[in-house]
Amino acid sequence: MKVLVTGAGGFIGGHMANYLKKRGYEVIACDIKPNPWQPVPNFYLADLRNYKDCRRLVEGVDWVFQFAANMGGIGYITQVKADVMHDNVLINANMLRASVDAGVKRFFFASSACVYPEELQADDKKVAFLKESDAFPAHPDTAYGWEKLFTEIMCKS
């Protein structure tokens, strides 16, 4: 089975690419930057804000693991909110469209706890028991949470 792991230059994506490779999957990995501390198999540099890069990468792929994002920690995402939302919505929309166009069978999207309403995130007694349905009515605490929630909705469409 051929799989694409996006965001493979990052911690989670890189570990996922290596995990899948060890289990016998044919792995293609990509990111806008490599990770010199964690090499991954079949790594390609790609800018997923560009639909053509997305379409080229998903050709012949059975499954996509979508970890790619403009992300640099909470300090970064709260300083450059508009850039984060713009880039991540574009990346996710391009990857979803390219995957549909190429006939990809499964698409895994890595969301975030940031999608949950701010008041639920702040309550230690509730946070451990959150369910997907608790994201509504929507009130994420950051632009990053809003774009993740928006992409969850796109994935369900």
C-alpha atoms as a PDB file:
ATOM      1  CA  MET A   1       0.000   0.000   0.000  1.00  0.00           C
ATOM      2  CA  LYS A   2       1.320   3.436  -0.965  1.00  0.00           C
ATOM      3  CA  VAL A   3       0.891   6.257   1.568  1.00  0.00           C
ATOM      4  CA  LEU A   4       1.757   9.945   1.606  1.00  0.00           C
ATOM      5  CA  VAL A   5       2.775  11.605   4.864  1.00  0.00           C
ATOM      6  CA  THR A   6       2.713  15.399   4.667  1.00  0.00           C
ATOM      7  CA  GLY A   7       4.479  17.506   7.269  1.00  0.00           C
ATOM      8  CA  ALA A   8       7.171  14.815   7.493  1.00  0.00           C
ATOM      9  CA  GLY A   9       9.781  17.447   8.368  1.00  0.00           C
ATOM     10  CA  GLY A  10       7.966  17.872  11.677  1.00  0.00           C
ATOM     11  CA  PHE A  11       7.938  15.750  14.816  1.00  0.00           C
ATOM     12  CA  ILE A  12       4.655  13.857  14.361  1.00  0.00           C
ATOM     13  CA  GLY A  13       4.794  13.555  10.569  1.00  0.00           C
ATOM     14  CA  GLY A  14       8.400  12.358  10.632  1.00  0.00           C
ATOM     15  CA  HIS A  15       7.677   9.728  13.261  1.00  0.00           C
ATOM     16  CA  MET A  16       4.575   8.580  11.361  1.00  0.00           C
ATOM     17  CA  ALA A  17       6.530   8.228   8.092  1.00  0.00           C
ATOM     18  CA  ASN A  18       9.178   6.084   9.785  1.00  0.00           C
ATOM     19  CA  TYR A  19       6.561   4.049  11.682  1.00  0.00           C
ATOM     20  CA  LEU A  20       4.673   3.226   8.477  1.00  0.00           C
ATOM     21  CA  LYS A  21       7.895   2.386   6.607  1.00  0.00           C
ATOM     22  CA  LYS A  22       8.908  -0.087   9.341  1.00  0.00           C
ATOM     23  CA  ARG A  23       5.517  -1.783   8.966  1.00  0.00           C
ATOM     24  CA  GLY A  24       5.988  -2.365   5.261  1.00  0.00           C
ATOM     25  CA  TYR A  25       4.088   0.533   3.710  1.00  0.00           C
ATOM     26  CA  GLU A  26       5.466   2.255   0.634  1.00  0.00           C
ATOM     27  CA  VAL A  27       5.956   5.747   2.055  1.00  0.00           C
ATOM     28  CA  ILE A  28       6.246   9.065   0.283  1.00  0.00           C
ATOM     29  CA  ALA A  29       7.039  11.921   2.655  1.00  0.00           C
ATOM     30  CA  CYS A  30       7.041  15.670   2.106  1.00  0.00           C
ATOM     31  CA  ASP A  31       7.406  19.007   3.815  1.00  0.00           C
ATOM     32  CA  ILE A  32       8.408  22.546   2.962  1.00  0.00           C
ATOM     33  CA  LYS A  33      11.620  21.872   4.901  1.00  0.00           C
ATOM     34  CA  PRO A  34      13.579  18.734   5.823  1.00  0.00           C
ATOM     35  CA  ASN A  35      14.267  17.629   9.376  1.00  0.00           C
ATOM     36  CA  PRO A  36      18.013  16.917   9.651  1.00  0.00           C
ATOM     37  CA  TRP A  37      17.574  15.167  13.024  1.00  0.00           C
ATOM     38  CA  GLN A  38      14.986  12.687  11.786  1.00  0.00           C
ATOM     39  CA  PRO A  39      15.505  11.576   8.180  1.00  0.00           C
ATOM     40  CA  VAL A  40      12.501   9.957   6.524  1.00  0.00           C
ATOM     41  CA  PRO A  41      12.212   7.724   3.442  1.00  0.00           C
ATOM     42  CA  ASN A  42      11.386   9.085  -0.028  1.00  0.00           C
ATOM     43  CA  PHE A  43      11.355  12.687   1.178  1.00  0.00           C
ATOM     44  CA  TYR A  44      10.328  15.470  -1.204  1.00  0.00           C
ATOM     45  CA  LEU A  45      10.411  19.214  -0.683  1.00  0.00           C
ATOM     46  CA  ALA A  46       6.997  20.632  -1.545  1.00  0.00           C
ATOM     47  CA  ASP A  47       4.935  23.744  -0.921  1.00  0.00           C
ATOM     48  CA  LEU A  48       1.414  22.456  -0.328  1.00  0.00           C
ATOM     49  CA  ARG A  49       0.018  25.945  -0.739  1.00  0.00           C
ATOM     50  CA  ASN A  50       0.539  25.132  -4.424  1.00  0.00           C
ATOM     51  CA  TYR A  51      -2.143  22.761  -5.794  1.00  0.00           C
ATOM     52  CA  LYS A  52       0.226  21.368  -8.448  1.00  0.00           C
ATOM     53  CA  ASP A  53       2.639  20.156  -5.761  1.00  0.00           C
ATOM     54  CA  CYS A  54      -0.246  18.480  -3.936  1.00  0.00           C
ATOM     55  CA  ARG A  55      -1.579  16.816  -7.077  1.00  0.00           C
ATOM     56  CA  ARG A  56       1.861  15.497  -8.056  1.00  0.00           C
ATOM     57  CA  LEU A  57       2.415  13.974  -4.608  1.00  0.00           C
ATOM     58  CA  VAL A  58      -0.941  12.171  -4.327  1.00  0.00           C
ATOM     59  CA  GLU A  59      -0.705  10.491  -7.737  1.00  0.00           C
ATOM     60  CA  GLY A  60      -1.031   6.724  -7.206  1.00  0.00           C
ATOM     61  CA  VAL A  61      -1.341   7.065  -3.423  1.00  0.00           C
ATOM     62  CA  ASP A  62      -3.854   4.953  -1.471  1.00  0.00           C
ATOM     63  CA  TRP A  63      -3.850   6.875   1.813  1.00  0.00           C
ATOM     64  CA  VAL A  64      -2.869  10.403   2.848  1.00  0.00           C
ATOM     65  CA  PHE A  65      -1.798  11.361   6.365  1.00  0.00           C
ATOM     66  CA  GLN A  66      -2.138  15.167   6.449  1.00  0.00           C
ATOM     67  CA  PHE A  67       0.130  16.648   9.133  1.00  0.00           C
ATOM     68  CA  ALA A  68       1.415  19.645   7.145  1.00  0.00           C
ATOM     69  CA  ALA A  69       0.703  23.042   8.675  1.00  0.00           C
ATOM     70  CA  ASN A  70       2.172  26.466   9.188  1.00  0.00           C
ATOM     71  CA  MET A  71       2.879  25.928  12.876  1.00  0.00           C
ATOM     72  CA  GLY A  72       5.522  27.140  15.268  1.00  0.00           C
ATOM     73  CA  GLY A  73       4.028  26.785  18.716  1.00  0.00           C
ATOM     74  CA  ILE A  74       1.452  28.855  20.568  1.00  0.00           C
ATOM     75  CA  GLY A  75       3.587  32.011  20.620  1.00  0.00           C
ATOM     76  CA  TYR A  76       4.002  31.935  16.861  1.00  0.00           C
ATOM     77  CA  ILE A  77       0.378  31.151  15.990  1.00  0.00           C
ATOM     78  CA  THR A  78      -0.937  33.936  18.210  1.00  0.00           C
ATOM     79  CA  GLN A  79       1.428  36.514  16.668  1.00  0.00           C
ATOM     80  CA  VAL A  80       0.739  35.785  12.984  1.00  0.00           C
ATOM     81  CA  LYS A  81      -2.886  34.664  13.060  1.00  0.00           C
ATOM     82  CA  ALA A  82      -3.839  35.739   9.536  1.00  0.00           C
ATOM     83  CA  ASP A  83      -0.801  34.050   7.975  1.00  0.00           C
ATOM     84  CA  VAL A  84      -1.471  30.819   9.862  1.00  0.00           C
ATOM     85  CA  MET A  85      -5.140  30.751   8.850  1.00  0.00           C
ATOM     86  CA  HIS A  86      -4.412  31.625   5.227  1.00  0.00           C
ATOM     87  CA  ASP A  87      -1.611  29.105   4.779  1.00  0.00           C
ATOM     88  CA  ASN A  88      -3.272  26.236   6.622  1.00  0.00           C
ATOM     89  CA  VAL A  89      -6.665  26.609   4.959  1.00  0.00           C
ATOM     90  CA  LEU A  90      -4.910  26.713   1.588  1.00  0.00           C
ATOM     91  CA  ILE A  91      -2.747  23.665   2.399  1.00  0.00           C
ATOM     92  CA  ASN A  92      -5.719  21.651   3.657  1.00  0.00           C
ATOM     93  CA  ALA A  93      -8.069  22.648   0.833  1.00  0.00           C
ATOM     94  CA  ASN A  94      -5.406  21.828  -1.763  1.00  0.00           C
ATOM     95  CA  MET A  95      -4.611  18.463  -0.185  1.00  0.00           C
ATOM     96  CA  LEU A  96      -8.283  17.530   0.076  1.00  0.00           C
ATOM     97  CA  ARG A  97      -9.029  18.556  -3.523  1.00  0.00           C
ATOM     98  CA  ALA A  98      -5.919  16.815  -4.896  1.00  0.00           C
ATOM     99  CA  SER A  99      -6.757  13.650  -2.929  1.00  0.00           C
ATOM    100  CA  VAL A 100     -10.315  13.584  -4.279  1.00  0.00           C
ATOM    101  CA  ASP A 101      -9.099  14.292  -7.819  1.00  0.00           C
ATOM    102  CA  ALA A 102      -6.539  11.458  -7.596  1.00  0.00           C
ATOM    103  CA  GLY A 103      -8.975   8.930  -6.095  1.00  0.00           C
ATOM    104  CA  VAL A 104      -7.185   8.579  -2.751  1.00  0.00           C
ATOM    105  CA  LYS A 105      -9.064   5.991  -0.658  1.00  0.00           C
ATOM    106  CA  ARG A 106      -8.414   7.420   2.827  1.00  0.00           C
ATOM    107  CA  PHE A 107      -7.530  10.857   4.106  1.00  0.00           C
ATOM    108  CA  PHE A 108      -6.395  11.309   7.711  1.00  0.00           C
ATOM    109  CA  PHE A 109      -6.447  14.888   8.989  1.00  0.00           C
ATOM    110  CA  ALA A 110      -4.587  15.759  12.186  1.00  0.00           C
ATOM    111  CA  SER A 111      -6.739  18.292  14.005  1.00  0.00           C
ATOM    112  CA  SER A 112      -6.121  19.900  17.388  1.00  0.00           C
ATOM    113  CA  ALA A 113      -7.607  20.355  20.841  1.00  0.00           C
ATOM    114  CA  CYS A 114      -7.643  24.050  19.898  1.00  0.00           C
ATOM    115  CA  VAL A 115     -10.957  23.443  18.073  1.00  0.00           C
ATOM    116  CA  TYR A 116     -12.843  23.204  21.369  1.00  0.00           C
ATOM    117  CA  PRO A 117     -14.579  26.220  22.887  1.00  0.00           C
ATOM    118  CA  GLU A 118     -12.293  28.320  25.017  1.00  0.00           C
ATOM    119  CA  GLU A 119     -14.403  27.815  28.141  1.00  0.00           C
ATOM    120  CA  LEU A 120     -14.130  24.008  27.858  1.00  0.00           C
ATOM    121  CA  GLN A 121     -10.370  24.148  27.318  1.00  0.00           C
ATOM    122  CA  ALA A 122      -9.978  26.209  30.501  1.00  0.00           C
ATOM    123  CA  ASP A 123     -11.965  23.806  32.705  1.00  0.00           C
ATOM    124  CA  ASP A 124      -9.634  21.071  34.013  1.00  0.00           C
ATOM    125  CA  LYS A 125     -12.605  18.957  35.101  1.00  0.00           C
ATOM    126  CA  LYS A 126     -14.073  18.881  31.573  1.00  0.00           C
ATOM    127  CA  VAL A 127     -11.018  18.875  29.308  1.00  0.00           C
ATOM    128  CA  ALA A 128     -10.172  15.189  29.862  1.00  0.00           C
ATOM    129  CA  PHE A 129     -13.648  14.114  28.775  1.00  0.00           C
ATOM    130  CA  LEU A 130     -14.085  16.169  25.595  1.00  0.00           C
ATOM    131  CA  LYS A 131     -15.804  14.540  22.619  1.00  0.00           C
ATOM    132  CA  GLU A 132     -15.755  15.618  18.974  1.00  0.00           C
ATOM    133  CA  SER A 133     -19.325  16.892  19.319  1.00  0.00           C
ATOM    134  CA  ASP A 134     -18.190  19.269  22.106  1.00  0.00           C
ATOM    135  CA  ALA A 135     -16.577  21.492  19.448  1.00  0.00           C
ATOM    136  CA  PHE A 136     -20.040  22.959  18.809  1.00  0.00           C
ATOM    137  CA  PRO A 137     -21.295  25.555  19.336  1.00  0.00           C
ATOM    138  CA  ALA A 138     -17.946  26.706  17.976  1.00  0.00           C
ATOM    139  CA  HIS A 139     -15.781  29.112  19.947  1.00  0.00           C
ATOM    140  CA  PRO A 140     -12.105  28.144  19.525  1.00  0.00           C
ATOM    141  CA  ASP A 141      -9.607  30.281  21.406  1.00  0.00           C
ATOM    142  CA  THR A 142      -7.260  30.950  18.457  1.00  0.00           C
ATOM    143  CA  ALA A 143      -7.262  31.442  14.694  1.00  0.00           C
ATOM    144  CA  TYR A 144      -5.398  28.128  14.569  1.00  0.00           C
ATOM    145  CA  GLY A 145      -8.365  26.428  16.271  1.00  0.00           C
ATOM    146  CA  TRP A 146     -10.782  28.020  13.796  1.00  0.00           C
ATOM    147  CA  GLU A 147      -8.827  26.828  10.758  1.00  0.00           C
ATOM    148  CA  LYS A 148      -8.553  23.311  12.180  1.00  0.00           C
ATOM    149  CA  LEU A 149     -12.305  23.242  12.829  1.00  0.00           C
ATOM    150  CA  PHE A 150     -13.001  24.577   9.331  1.00  0.00           C
ATOM    151  CA  THR A 151     -10.875  21.788   7.854  1.00  0.00           C
ATOM    152  CA  GLU A 152     -12.691  19.156   9.925  1.00  0.00           C
ATOM    153  CA  ILE A 153     -15.914  20.405   8.328  1.00  0.00           C
ATOM    154  CA  MET A 154     -14.321  20.269   4.851  1.00  0.00           C
ATOM    155  CA  CYS A 155     -13.220  16.672   5.504  1.00  0.00           C
ATOM    156  CA  LYS A 156     -16.778  15.660   6.381  1.00  0.00           C
ATOM    157  CA  SER A 157     -18.177  17.254   3.207  1.00  0.00           C
END
